[in-house]
């Protein structure tokens, strides 16, 4: 069983997977490789009925969302997890200012860690 490194087409996170698993994921997501977090976000959008065309449109929307951020991929993944957990918990009333505060804080910490 050969292991291959593959990069998420949304957030650019890299994972080591078998070719068989890579093919299965691509088959589910319109020929695109998505990491575990991005695939969950896309499935969540499809299950919520936010897109009319289903999987293909959800993948495009999520890729667009990920493309809007120019920060470290780890920050984007953490932010995506935070948003997904907030949606699932039903806490949609958080203000944008608190969201930015956490995002800046995480970015600053990651920047400081990367400088060392």
PDB file of N, CA and C in Angstrom:
ATOM      1  N   UNK A   1       0.839  -1.164   0.000  1.00  0.00           N
ATOM      2  CA  UNK A   1       0.000   0.000   0.000  1.00  0.00           C
ATOM      3  C   UNK A   1       0.895   1.242   0.000  1.00  0.00           C
ATOM      4  N   UNK A   2       0.845   1.998  -1.077  1.00  0.00           N
ATOM      5  CA  UNK A   2       1.707   3.163  -1.229  1.00  0.00           C
ATOM      6  C   UNK A   2       1.045   4.418  -0.659  1.00  0.00           C
ATOM      7  N   UNK A   3       1.819   5.194   0.111  1.00  0.00           N
ATOM      8  CA  UNK A   3       1.337   6.424   0.722  1.00  0.00           C
ATOM      9  C   UNK A   3       1.811   7.606  -0.122  1.00  0.00           C
ATOM     10  N   UNK A   4       0.913   8.540  -0.342  1.00  0.00           N
ATOM     11  CA  UNK A   4       1.208   9.699  -1.165  1.00  0.00           C
ATOM     12  C   UNK A   4       0.806  10.962  -0.411  1.00  0.00           C
ATOM     13  N   UNK A   5       1.579  12.025  -0.562  1.00  0.00           N
ATOM     14  CA  UNK A   5       1.247  13.310   0.037  1.00  0.00           C
ATOM     15  C   UNK A   5       0.334  14.059  -0.921  1.00  0.00           C
ATOM     16  N   UNK A   6      -0.773  14.561  -0.390  1.00  0.00           N
ATOM     17  CA  UNK A   6      -1.739  15.279  -1.224  1.00  0.00           C
ATOM     18  C   UNK A   6      -2.123  16.572  -0.515  1.00  0.00           C
ATOM     19  N   UNK A   7      -2.379  17.612  -1.306  1.00  0.00           N
ATOM     20  CA  UNK A   7      -2.682  18.933  -0.752  1.00  0.00           C
ATOM     21  C   UNK A   7      -4.145  19.280  -1.011  1.00  0.00           C
ATOM     22  N   UNK A   8      -4.813  19.777   0.035  1.00  0.00           N
ATOM     23  CA  UNK A   8      -6.211  20.183  -0.082  1.00  0.00           C
ATOM     24  C   UNK A   8      -6.330  21.329  -1.083  1.00  0.00           C
ATOM     25  N   UNK A   9      -7.280  21.229  -1.985  1.00  0.00           N
ATOM     26  CA  UNK A   9      -7.455  22.259  -2.996  1.00  0.00           C
ATOM     27  C   UNK A   9      -8.179  23.489  -2.459  1.00  0.00           C
ATOM     28  N   UNK A  10      -8.645  23.419  -1.213  1.00  0.00           N
ATOM     29  CA  UNK A  10      -9.288  24.577  -0.584  1.00  0.00           C
ATOM     30  C   UNK A  10      -8.321  25.323   0.321  1.00  0.00           C
ATOM     31  N   UNK A  11      -7.815  24.646   1.330  1.00  0.00           N
ATOM     32  CA  UNK A  11      -7.015  25.315   2.374  1.00  0.00           C
ATOM     33  C   UNK A  11      -5.520  25.059   2.246  1.00  0.00           C
ATOM     34  N   UNK A  12      -5.113  24.195   1.315  1.00  0.00           N
ATOM     35  CA  UNK A  12      -3.712  23.874   1.043  1.00  0.00           C
ATOM     36  C   UNK A  12      -3.033  23.050   2.147  1.00  0.00           C
ATOM     37  N   UNK A  13      -3.802  22.490   3.051  1.00  0.00           N
ATOM     38  CA  UNK A  13      -3.261  21.611   4.074  1.00  0.00           C
ATOM     39  C   UNK A  13      -2.832  20.302   3.401  1.00  0.00           C
ATOM     40  N   UNK A  14      -1.696  19.755   3.820  1.00  0.00           N
ATOM     41  CA  UNK A  14      -1.202  18.511   3.222  1.00  0.00           C
ATOM     42  C   UNK A  14      -1.486  17.332   4.136  1.00  0.00           C
ATOM     43  N   UNK A  15      -1.830  16.204   3.528  1.00  0.00           N
ATOM     44  CA  UNK A  15      -2.074  14.966   4.257  1.00  0.00           C
ATOM     45  C   UNK A  15      -1.410  13.819   3.515  1.00  0.00           C
ATOM     46  N   UNK A  16      -1.023  12.789   4.236  1.00  0.00           N
ATOM     47  CA  UNK A  16      -0.471  11.577   3.643  1.00  0.00           C
ATOM     48  C   UNK A  16      -1.571  10.535   3.603  1.00  0.00           C
ATOM     49  N   UNK A  17      -1.874  10.043   2.405  1.00  0.00           N
ATOM     50  CA  UNK A  17      -2.986   9.108   2.231  1.00  0.00           C
ATOM     51  C   UNK A  17      -2.629   8.063   1.176  1.00  0.00           C
ATOM     52  N   UNK A  18      -3.401   6.992   1.156  1.00  0.00           N
ATOM     53  CA  UNK A  18      -3.240   6.000   0.098  1.00  0.00           C
ATOM     54  C   UNK A  18      -3.899   6.521  -1.178  1.00  0.00           C
ATOM     55  N   UNK A  19      -3.444   6.030  -2.315  1.00  0.00           N
ATOM     56  CA  UNK A  19      -4.019   6.434  -3.601  1.00  0.00           C
ATOM     57  C   UNK A  19      -5.498   6.062  -3.667  1.00  0.00           C
ATOM     58  N   UNK A  20      -5.844   4.932  -3.084  1.00  0.00           N
ATOM     59  CA  UNK A  20      -7.248   4.493  -3.072  1.00  0.00           C
ATOM     60  C   UNK A  20      -8.129   5.506  -2.336  1.00  0.00           C
ATOM     61  N   UNK A  21      -7.672   5.965  -1.170  1.00  0.00           N
ATOM     62  CA  UNK A  21      -8.435   6.939  -0.392  1.00  0.00           C
ATOM     63  C   UNK A  21      -8.518   8.276  -1.126  1.00  0.00           C
ATOM     64  N   UNK A  22      -7.417   8.681  -1.754  1.00  0.00           N
ATOM     65  CA  UNK A  22      -7.409   9.926  -2.525  1.00  0.00           C
ATOM     66  C   UNK A  22      -8.464   9.858  -3.623  1.00  0.00           C
ATOM     67  N   UNK A  23      -8.525   8.737  -4.316  1.00  0.00           N
ATOM     68  CA  UNK A  23      -9.510   8.560  -5.390  1.00  0.00           C
ATOM     69  C   UNK A  23     -10.938   8.607  -4.862  1.00  0.00           C
ATOM     70  N   UNK A  24     -11.174   7.988  -3.699  1.00  0.00           N
ATOM     71  CA  UNK A  24     -12.518   8.010  -3.093  1.00  0.00           C
ATOM     72  C   UNK A  24     -12.949   9.427  -2.752  1.00  0.00           C
ATOM     73  N   UNK A  25     -12.043  10.203  -2.169  1.00  0.00           N
ATOM     74  CA  UNK A  25     -12.369  11.581  -1.793  1.00  0.00           C
ATOM     75  C   UNK A  25     -12.646  12.415  -3.034  1.00  0.00           C
ATOM     76  N   UNK A  26     -11.805  12.281  -4.050  1.00  0.00           N
ATOM     77  CA  UNK A  26     -12.005  13.044  -5.286  1.00  0.00           C
ATOM     78  C   UNK A  26     -13.342  12.693  -5.940  1.00  0.00           C
ATOM     79  N   UNK A  27     -13.736  11.438  -5.874  1.00  0.00           N
ATOM     80  CA  UNK A  27     -15.004  11.023  -6.460  1.00  0.00           C
ATOM     81  C   UNK A  27     -16.192  11.681  -5.753  1.00  0.00           C
ATOM     82  N   UNK A  28     -16.063  11.923  -4.470  1.00  0.00           N
ATOM     83  CA  UNK A  28     -17.147  12.534  -3.696  1.00  0.00           C
ATOM     84  C   UNK A  28     -17.241  14.041  -3.893  1.00  0.00           C
ATOM     85  N   UNK A  29     -16.116  14.677  -4.239  1.00  0.00           N
ATOM     86  CA  UNK A  29     -16.069  16.136  -4.260  1.00  0.00           C
ATOM     87  C   UNK A  29     -15.693  16.690  -5.625  1.00  0.00           C
ATOM     88  N   UNK A  30     -16.400  16.243  -6.634  1.00  0.00           N
ATOM     89  CA  UNK A  30     -16.273  16.818  -7.978  1.00  0.00           C
ATOM     90  C   UNK A  30     -14.844  16.787  -8.503  1.00  0.00           C
ATOM     91  N   UNK A  31     -14.114  15.701  -8.205  1.00  0.00           N
ATOM     92  CA  UNK A  31     -12.760  15.538  -8.700  1.00  0.00           C
ATOM     93  C   UNK A  31     -11.707  16.329  -7.952  1.00  0.00           C
ATOM     94  N   UNK A  32     -12.091  16.953  -6.849  1.00  0.00           N
ATOM     95  CA  UNK A  32     -11.160  17.765  -6.071  1.00  0.00           C
ATOM     96  C   UNK A  32     -10.781  17.030  -4.792  1.00  0.00           C
ATOM     97  N   UNK A  33      -9.499  17.149  -4.387  1.00  0.00           N
ATOM     98  CA  UNK A  33      -9.068  16.588  -3.111  1.00  0.00           C
ATOM     99  C   UNK A  33      -9.352  17.618  -2.029  1.00  0.00           C
ATOM    100  N   UNK A  34     -10.081  17.220  -0.986  1.00  0.00           N
ATOM    101  CA  UNK A  34     -10.362  18.081   0.157  1.00  0.00           C
ATOM    102  C   UNK A  34      -9.876  17.386   1.420  1.00  0.00           C
ATOM    103  N   UNK A  35      -9.266  18.157   2.314  1.00  0.00           N
ATOM    104  CA  UNK A  35      -8.849  17.595   3.598  1.00  0.00           C
ATOM    105  C   UNK A  35     -10.093  17.264   4.421  1.00  0.00           C
ATOM    106  N   UNK A  36      -9.892  16.639   5.549  1.00  0.00           N
ATOM    107  CA  UNK A  36     -11.014  16.239   6.394  1.00  0.00           C
ATOM    108  C   UNK A  36     -11.876  17.395   6.842  1.00  0.00           C
ATOM    109  N   UNK A  37     -11.261  18.508   7.245  1.00  0.00           N
ATOM    110  CA  UNK A  37     -12.029  19.654   7.722  1.00  0.00           C
ATOM    111  C   UNK A  37     -12.830  20.299   6.593  1.00  0.00           C
ATOM    112  N   UNK A  38     -12.204  20.507   5.452  1.00  0.00           N
ATOM    113  CA  UNK A  38     -12.915  21.119   4.324  1.00  0.00           C
ATOM    114  C   UNK A  38     -14.033  20.207   3.823  1.00  0.00           C
ATOM    115  N   UNK A  39     -13.794  18.902   3.800  1.00  0.00           N
ATOM    116  CA  UNK A  39     -14.846  17.988   3.347  1.00  0.00           C
ATOM    117  C   UNK A  39     -16.041  18.023   4.306  1.00  0.00           C
ATOM    118  N   UNK A  40     -15.765  18.148   5.606  1.00  0.00           N
ATOM    119  CA  UNK A  40     -16.868  18.267   6.577  1.00  0.00           C
ATOM    120  C   UNK A  40     -17.639  19.562   6.366  1.00  0.00           C
ATOM    121  N   UNK A  41     -16.931  20.652   6.106  1.00  0.00           N
ATOM    122  CA  UNK A  41     -17.591  21.938   5.876  1.00  0.00           C
ATOM    123  C   UNK A  41     -18.474  21.870   4.636  1.00  0.00           C
ATOM    124  N   UNK A  42     -17.996  21.234   3.574  1.00  0.00           N
ATOM    125  CA  UNK A  42     -18.775  21.108   2.345  1.00  0.00           C
ATOM    126  C   UNK A  42     -20.001  20.223   2.583  1.00  0.00           C
ATOM    127  N   UNK A  43     -19.807  19.091   3.263  1.00  0.00           N
ATOM    128  CA  UNK A  43     -20.947  18.218   3.575  1.00  0.00           C
ATOM    129  C   UNK A  43     -21.982  18.937   4.431  1.00  0.00           C
ATOM    130  N   UNK A  44     -21.508  19.759   5.363  1.00  0.00           N
ATOM    131  CA  UNK A  44     -22.411  20.522   6.218  1.00  0.00           C
ATOM    132  C   UNK A  44     -23.253  21.481   5.384  1.00  0.00           C
ATOM    133  N   UNK A  45     -22.631  22.161   4.427  1.00  0.00           N
ATOM    134  CA  UNK A  45     -23.367  23.082   3.559  1.00  0.00           C
ATOM    135  C   UNK A  45     -24.409  22.338   2.725  1.00  0.00           C
ATOM    136  N   UNK A  46     -24.033  21.183   2.204  1.00  0.00           N
ATOM    137  CA  UNK A  46     -24.965  20.397   1.391  1.00  0.00           C
ATOM    138  C   UNK A  46     -26.139  19.927   2.247  1.00  0.00           C
ATOM    139  N   UNK A  47     -25.854  19.443   3.451  1.00  0.00           N
ATOM    140  CA  UNK A  47     -26.927  18.920   4.305  1.00  0.00           C
ATOM    141  C   UNK A  47     -27.868  20.022   4.786  1.00  0.00           C
ATOM    142  N   UNK A  48     -27.362  21.239   4.889  1.00  0.00           N
ATOM    143  CA  UNK A  48     -28.194  22.357   5.314  1.00  0.00           C
ATOM    144  C   UNK A  48     -29.009  22.913   4.150  1.00  0.00           C
ATOM    145  N   UNK A  49     -28.758  22.418   2.943  1.00  0.00           N
ATOM    146  CA  UNK A  49     -29.512  22.861   1.780  1.00  0.00           C
ATOM    147  C   UNK A  49     -29.191  24.277   1.348  1.00  0.00           C
ATOM    148  N   UNK A  50     -27.979  24.745   1.657  1.00  0.00           N
ATOM    149  CA  UNK A  50     -27.598  26.124   1.316  1.00  0.00           C
ATOM    150  C   UNK A  50     -27.317  26.287  -0.170  1.00  0.00           C
ATOM    151  N   UNK A  51     -27.015  25.201  -0.858  1.00  0.00           N
ATOM    152  CA  UNK A  51     -26.714  25.288  -2.280  1.00  0.00           C
ATOM    153  C   UNK A  51     -27.785  24.554  -3.064  1.00  0.00           C
ATOM    154  N   UNK A  52     -28.115  25.096  -4.224  1.00  0.00           N
ATOM    155  CA  UNK A  52     -29.172  24.496  -5.033  1.00  0.00           C
ATOM    156  C   UNK A  52     -28.641  23.367  -5.917  1.00  0.00           C
ATOM    157  N   UNK A  53     -27.388  23.462  -6.326  1.00  0.00           N
ATOM    158  CA  UNK A  53     -26.816  22.454  -7.222  1.00  0.00           C
ATOM    159  C   UNK A  53     -26.150  21.313  -6.483  1.00  0.00           C
ATOM    160  N   UNK A  54     -26.172  21.344  -5.172  1.00  0.00           N
ATOM    161  CA  UNK A  54     -25.610  20.250  -4.405  1.00  0.00           C
ATOM    162  C   UNK A  54     -24.117  20.345  -4.207  1.00  0.00           C
ATOM    163  N   UNK A  55     -23.462  19.202  -4.330  1.00  0.00           N
ATOM    164  CA  UNK A  55     -22.051  19.064  -3.983  1.00  0.00           C
ATOM    165  C   UNK A  55     -21.147  19.986  -4.794  1.00  0.00           C
ATOM    166  N   UNK A  56     -21.341  20.042  -6.094  1.00  0.00           N
ATOM    167  CA  UNK A  56     -20.467  20.845  -6.955  1.00  0.00           C
ATOM    168  C   UNK A  56     -20.463  22.318  -6.531  1.00  0.00           C
ATOM    169  N   UNK A  57     -21.626  22.868  -6.295  1.00  0.00           N
ATOM    170  CA  UNK A  57     -21.722  24.271  -5.882  1.00  0.00           C
ATOM    171  C   UNK A  57     -21.157  24.482  -4.472  1.00  0.00           C
ATOM    172  N   UNK A  58     -21.373  23.519  -3.584  1.00  0.00           N
ATOM    173  CA  UNK A  58     -20.841  23.630  -2.223  1.00  0.00           C
ATOM    174  C   UNK A  58     -19.320  23.609  -2.235  1.00  0.00           C
ATOM    175  N   UNK A  59     -18.725  22.780  -3.081  1.00  0.00           N
ATOM    176  CA  UNK A  59     -17.264  22.730  -3.197  1.00  0.00           C
ATOM    177  C   UNK A  59     -16.750  24.068  -3.713  1.00  0.00           C
ATOM    178  N   UNK A  60     -17.380  24.604  -4.755  1.00  0.00           N
ATOM    179  CA  UNK A  60     -16.955  25.909  -5.299  1.00  0.00           C
ATOM    180  C   UNK A  60     -17.075  27.008  -4.251  1.00  0.00           C
ATOM    181  N   UNK A  61     -18.178  27.018  -3.505  1.00  0.00           N
ATOM    182  CA  UNK A  61     -18.386  28.047  -2.481  1.00  0.00           C
ATOM    183  C   UNK A  61     -17.327  27.946  -1.383  1.00  0.00           C
ATOM    184  N   UNK A  62     -17.016  26.720  -0.972  1.00  0.00           N
ATOM    185  CA  UNK A  62     -16.021  26.556   0.084  1.00  0.00           C
ATOM    186  C   UNK A  62     -14.618  26.932  -0.424  1.00  0.00           C
ATOM    187  N   UNK A  63     -14.300  26.598  -1.656  1.00  0.00           N
ATOM    188  CA  UNK A  63     -13.012  26.981  -2.224  1.00  0.00           C
ATOM    189  C   UNK A  63     -12.896  28.504  -2.283  1.00  0.00           C
ATOM    190  N   UNK A  64     -13.974  29.158  -2.624  1.00  0.00           N
ATOM    191  CA  UNK A  64     -13.985  30.619  -2.662  1.00  0.00           C
ATOM    192  C   UNK A  64     -13.770  31.189  -1.266  1.00  0.00           C
ATOM    193  N   UNK A  65     -14.450  30.596  -0.283  1.00  0.00           N
ATOM    194  CA  UNK A  65     -14.297  31.024   1.108  1.00  0.00           C
ATOM    195  C   UNK A  65     -12.847  30.894   1.553  1.00  0.00           C
ATOM    196  N   UNK A  66     -12.238  29.758   1.290  1.00  0.00           N
ATOM    197  CA  UNK A  66     -10.847  29.534   1.694  1.00  0.00           C
ATOM    198  C   UNK A  66      -9.897  30.466   0.953  1.00  0.00           C
ATOM    199  N   UNK A  67     -10.204  30.785  -0.290  1.00  0.00           N
ATOM    200  CA  UNK A  67      -9.342  31.650  -1.087  1.00  0.00           C
ATOM    201  C   UNK A  67      -9.320  33.090  -0.617  1.00  0.00           C
ATOM    202  N   UNK A  68     -10.267  33.491   0.206  1.00  0.00           N
ATOM    203  CA  UNK A  68     -10.330  34.873   0.678  1.00  0.00           C
ATOM    204  C   UNK A  68      -9.287  35.180   1.740  1.00  0.00           C
ATOM    205  N   UNK A  69      -8.682  34.155   2.310  1.00  0.00           N
ATOM    206  CA  UNK A  69      -7.736  34.354   3.399  1.00  0.00           C
ATOM    207  C   UNK A  69      -6.313  34.178   2.895  1.00  0.00           C
ATOM    208  N   UNK A  70      -5.457  35.111   3.274  1.00  0.00           N
ATOM    209  CA  UNK A  70      -4.055  35.047   2.851  1.00  0.00           C
ATOM    210  C   UNK A  70      -3.127  34.708   4.013  1.00  0.00           C
ATOM    211  N   UNK A  71      -3.672  34.215   5.098  1.00  0.00           N
ATOM    212  CA  UNK A  71      -2.858  33.926   6.274  1.00  0.00           C
ATOM    213  C   UNK A  71      -2.333  32.496   6.232  1.00  0.00           C
ATOM    214  N   UNK A  72      -1.647  32.123   7.269  1.00  0.00           N
ATOM    215  CA  UNK A  72      -1.116  30.781   7.441  1.00  0.00           C
ATOM    216  C   UNK A  72      -2.254  29.757   7.339  1.00  0.00           C
ATOM    217  N   UNK A  73      -2.069  28.646   6.624  1.00  0.00           N
ATOM    218  CA  UNK A  73      -3.132  27.645   6.516  1.00  0.00           C
ATOM    219  C   UNK A  73      -3.634  27.139   7.871  1.00  0.00           C
ATOM    220  N   UNK A  74      -2.769  27.073   8.864  1.00  0.00           N
ATOM    221  CA  UNK A  74      -3.204  26.604  10.187  1.00  0.00           C
ATOM    222  C   UNK A  74      -4.237  27.552  10.789  1.00  0.00           C
ATOM    223  N   UNK A  75      -4.078  28.849  10.555  1.00  0.00           N
ATOM    224  CA  UNK A  75      -5.036  29.827  11.063  1.00  0.00           C
ATOM    225  C   UNK A  75      -6.372  29.649  10.361  1.00  0.00           C
ATOM    226  N   UNK A  76      -6.319  29.407   9.066  1.00  0.00           N
ATOM    227  CA  UNK A  76      -7.564  29.213   8.313  1.00  0.00           C
ATOM    228  C   UNK A  76      -8.288  27.957   8.777  1.00  0.00           C
ATOM    229  N   UNK A  77      -7.555  26.894   9.015  1.00  0.00           N
ATOM    230  CA  UNK A  77      -8.170  25.656   9.490  1.00  0.00           C
ATOM    231  C   UNK A  77      -8.811  25.881  10.854  1.00  0.00           C
ATOM    232  N   UNK A  78      -8.078  26.534  11.757  1.00  0.00           N
ATOM    233  CA  UNK A  78      -8.625  26.809  13.091  1.00  0.00           C
ATOM    234  C   UNK A  78      -9.869  27.688  13.009  1.00  0.00           C
ATOM    235  N   UNK A  79      -9.847  28.695  12.147  1.00  0.00           N
ATOM    236  CA  UNK A  79     -11.004  29.571  11.997  1.00  0.00           C
ATOM    237  C   UNK A  79     -12.195  28.797  11.425  1.00  0.00           C
ATOM    238  N   UNK A  80     -11.926  27.936  10.464  1.00  0.00           N
ATOM    239  CA  UNK A  80     -12.998  27.121   9.892  1.00  0.00           C
ATOM    240  C   UNK A  80     -13.624  26.196  10.926  1.00  0.00           C
ATOM    241  N   UNK A  81     -12.785  25.601  11.774  1.00  0.00           N
ATOM    242  CA  UNK A  81     -13.299  24.728  12.833  1.00  0.00           C
ATOM    243  C   UNK A  81     -14.161  25.526  13.808  1.00  0.00           C
ATOM    244  N   UNK A  82     -13.701  26.721  14.154  1.00  0.00           N
ATOM    245  CA  UNK A  82     -14.451  27.564  15.080  1.00  0.00           C
ATOM    246  C   UNK A  82     -15.825  27.895  14.501  1.00  0.00           C
ATOM    247  N   UNK A  83     -15.850  28.264  13.220  1.00  0.00           N
ATOM    248  CA  UNK A  83     -17.121  28.604  12.581  1.00  0.00           C
ATOM    249  C   UNK A  83     -18.048  27.397  12.497  1.00  0.00           C
ATOM    250  N   UNK A  84     -17.487  26.246  12.151  1.00  0.00           N
ATOM    251  CA  UNK A  84     -18.308  25.046  12.025  1.00  0.00           C
ATOM    252  C   UNK A  84     -18.894  24.654  13.385  1.00  0.00           C
ATOM    253  N   UNK A  85     -18.070  24.715  14.430  1.00  0.00           N
ATOM    254  CA  UNK A  85     -18.566  24.378  15.769  1.00  0.00           C
ATOM    255  C   UNK A  85     -19.623  25.372  16.240  1.00  0.00           C
ATOM    256  N   UNK A  86     -19.427  26.620  15.912  1.00  0.00           N
ATOM    257  CA  UNK A  86     -20.410  27.639  16.289  1.00  0.00           C
ATOM    258  C   UNK A  86     -21.747  27.367  15.594  1.00  0.00           C
ATOM    259  N   UNK A  87     -21.687  27.015  14.302  1.00  0.00           N
ATOM    260  CA  UNK A  87     -22.924  26.713  13.567  1.00  0.00           C
ATOM    261  C   UNK A  87     -23.638  25.505  14.174  1.00  0.00           C
ATOM    262  N   UNK A  88     -22.863  24.485  14.468  1.00  0.00           N
ATOM    263  CA  UNK A  88     -23.464  23.262  15.003  1.00  0.00           C
ATOM    264  C   UNK A  88     -24.040  23.462  16.392  1.00  0.00           C
ATOM    265  N   UNK A  89     -23.462  24.371  17.161  1.00  0.00           N
ATOM    266  CA  UNK A  89     -23.979  24.608  18.509  1.00  0.00           C
ATOM    267  C   UNK A  89     -25.154  25.572  18.491  1.00  0.00           C
ATOM    268  N   UNK A  90     -25.406  26.183  17.333  1.00  0.00           N
ATOM    269  CA  UNK A  90     -26.527  27.106  17.225  1.00  0.00           C
ATOM    270  C   UNK A  90     -26.198  28.509  17.703  1.00  0.00           C
ATOM    271  N   UNK A  91     -24.931  28.769  18.020  1.00  0.00           N
ATOM    272  CA  UNK A  91     -24.517  30.083  18.512  1.00  0.00           C
ATOM    273  C   UNK A  91     -24.136  30.969  17.339  1.00  0.00           C
ATOM    274  N   UNK A  92     -25.128  31.497  16.660  1.00  0.00           N
ATOM    275  CA  UNK A  92     -24.871  32.372  15.530  1.00  0.00           C
ATOM    276  C   UNK A  92     -24.930  33.835  15.931  1.00  0.00           C
ATOM    277  N   UNK A  93     -25.151  34.117  17.205  1.00  0.00           N
ATOM    278  CA  UNK A  93     -25.329  35.493  17.645  1.00  0.00           C
ATOM    279  C   UNK A  93     -24.033  36.181  18.018  1.00  0.00           C
ATOM    280  N   UNK A  94     -22.882  35.506  17.891  1.00  0.00           N
ATOM    281  CA  UNK A  94     -21.607  36.126  18.252  1.00  0.00           C
ATOM    282  C   UNK A  94     -21.342  37.324  17.363  1.00  0.00           C
ATOM    283  N   UNK A  95     -20.792  38.344  17.939  1.00  0.00           N
ATOM    284  CA  UNK A  95     -20.511  39.547  17.153  1.00  0.00           C
ATOM    285  C   UNK A  95     -19.254  39.332  16.324  1.00  0.00           C
ATOM    286  N   UNK A  96     -19.163  40.092  15.234  1.00  0.00           N
ATOM    287  CA  UNK A  96     -17.993  39.990  14.381  1.00  0.00           C
ATOM    288  C   UNK A  96     -16.757  40.507  15.082  1.00  0.00           C
ATOM    289  N   UNK A  97     -16.921  41.449  15.996  1.00  0.00           N
ATOM    290  CA  UNK A  97     -15.748  41.987  16.686  1.00  0.00           C
ATOM    291  C   UNK A  97     -15.069  40.923  17.536  1.00  0.00           C
ATOM    292  N   UNK A  98     -15.847  40.075  18.190  1.00  0.00           N
ATOM    293  CA  UNK A  98     -15.216  39.019  18.980  1.00  0.00           C
ATOM    294  C   UNK A  98     -14.548  38.003  18.069  1.00  0.00           C
ATOM    295  N   UNK A  99     -15.131  37.756  16.900  1.00  0.00           N
ATOM    296  CA  UNK A  99     -14.537  36.838  15.944  1.00  0.00           C
ATOM    297  C   UNK A  99     -13.181  37.368  15.481  1.00  0.00           C
ATOM    298  N   UNK A 100     -13.110  38.665  15.193  1.00  0.00           N
ATOM    299  CA  UNK A 100     -11.854  39.252  14.752  1.00  0.00           C
ATOM    300  C   UNK A 100     -10.818  39.211  15.862  1.00  0.00           C
ATOM    301  N   UNK A 101     -11.249  39.431  17.088  1.00  0.00           N
ATOM    302  CA  UNK A 101     -10.323  39.420  18.213  1.00  0.00           C
ATOM    303  C   UNK A 101      -9.635  38.064  18.308  1.00  0.00           C
ATOM    304  N   UNK A 102     -10.416  37.000  18.218  1.00  0.00           N
ATOM    305  CA  UNK A 102      -9.830  35.664  18.306  1.00  0.00           C
ATOM    306  C   UNK A 102      -8.937  35.383  17.116  1.00  0.00           C
ATOM    307  N   UNK A 103      -9.339  35.815  15.952  1.00  0.00           N
ATOM    308  CA  UNK A 103      -8.555  35.580  14.758  1.00  0.00           C
ATOM    309  C   UNK A 103      -7.207  36.286  14.846  1.00  0.00           C
ATOM    310  N   UNK A 104      -7.195  37.551  15.277  1.00  0.00           N
ATOM    311  CA  UNK A 104      -5.944  38.290  15.416  1.00  0.00           C
ATOM    312  C   UNK A 104      -5.050  37.648  16.462  1.00  0.00           C
ATOM    313  N   UNK A 105      -5.658  37.252  17.557  1.00  0.00           N
ATOM    314  CA  UNK A 105      -4.889  36.638  18.635  1.00  0.00           C
ATOM    315  C   UNK A 105      -4.214  35.363  18.157  1.00  0.00           C
ATOM    316  N   UNK A 106      -4.955  34.536  17.445  1.00  0.00           N
ATOM    317  CA  UNK A 106      -4.404  33.278  16.937  1.00  0.00           C
ATOM    318  C   UNK A 106      -3.310  33.556  15.916  1.00  0.00           C
ATOM    319  N   UNK A 107      -3.527  34.551  15.059  1.00  0.00           N
ATOM    320  CA  UNK A 107      -2.545  34.894  14.047  1.00  0.00           C
ATOM    321  C   UNK A 107      -1.259  35.377  14.698  1.00  0.00           C
ATOM    322  N   UNK A 108      -1.390  36.226  15.705  1.00  0.00           N
ATOM    323  CA  UNK A 108      -0.224  36.748  16.409  1.00  0.00           C
ATOM    324  C   UNK A 108       0.560  35.627  17.074  1.00  0.00           C
ATOM    325  N   UNK A 109      -0.140  34.722  17.733  1.00  0.00           N
ATOM    326  CA  UNK A 109       0.542  33.611  18.412  1.00  0.00           C
ATOM    327  C   UNK A 109       1.270  32.722  17.413  1.00  0.00           C
ATOM    328  N   UNK A 110       0.611  32.415  16.280  1.00  0.00           N
ATOM    329  CA  UNK A 110       1.243  31.578  15.273  1.00  0.00           C
ATOM    330  C   UNK A 110       2.443  32.287  14.665  1.00  0.00           C
ATOM    331  N   UNK A 111       2.324  33.593  14.447  1.00  0.00           N
ATOM    332  CA  UNK A 111       3.445  34.362  13.900  1.00  0.00           C
ATOM    333  C   UNK A 111       4.639  34.314  14.841  1.00  0.00           C
ATOM    334  N   UNK A 112       4.360  34.486  16.132  1.00  0.00           N
ATOM    335  CA  UNK A 112       5.426  34.458  17.118  1.00  0.00           C
ATOM    336  C   UNK A 112       6.079  33.077  17.182  1.00  0.00           C
ATOM    337  N   UNK A 113       5.269  32.031  17.100  1.00  0.00           N
ATOM    338  CA  UNK A 113       5.813  30.671  17.124  1.00  0.00           C
ATOM    339  C   UNK A 113       6.672  30.402  15.892  1.00  0.00           C
ATOM    340  N   UNK A 114       6.229  30.908  14.740  1.00  0.00           N
ATOM    341  CA  UNK A 114       6.968  30.673  13.501  1.00  0.00           C
ATOM    342  C   UNK A 114       8.277  31.445  13.456  1.00  0.00           C
ATOM    343  N   UNK A 115       8.374  32.556  14.187  1.00  0.00           N
ATOM    344  CA  UNK A 115       9.597  33.342  14.203  1.00  0.00           C
ATOM    345  C   UNK A 115      10.708  32.652  14.965  1.00  0.00           C
ATOM    346  N   UNK A 116      10.344  31.787  15.935  1.00  0.00           N
ATOM    347  CA  UNK A 116      11.347  31.120  16.787  1.00  0.00           C
ATOM    348  C   UNK A 116      12.136  30.088  16.046  1.00  0.00           C
TER     349      UNK A 116
END
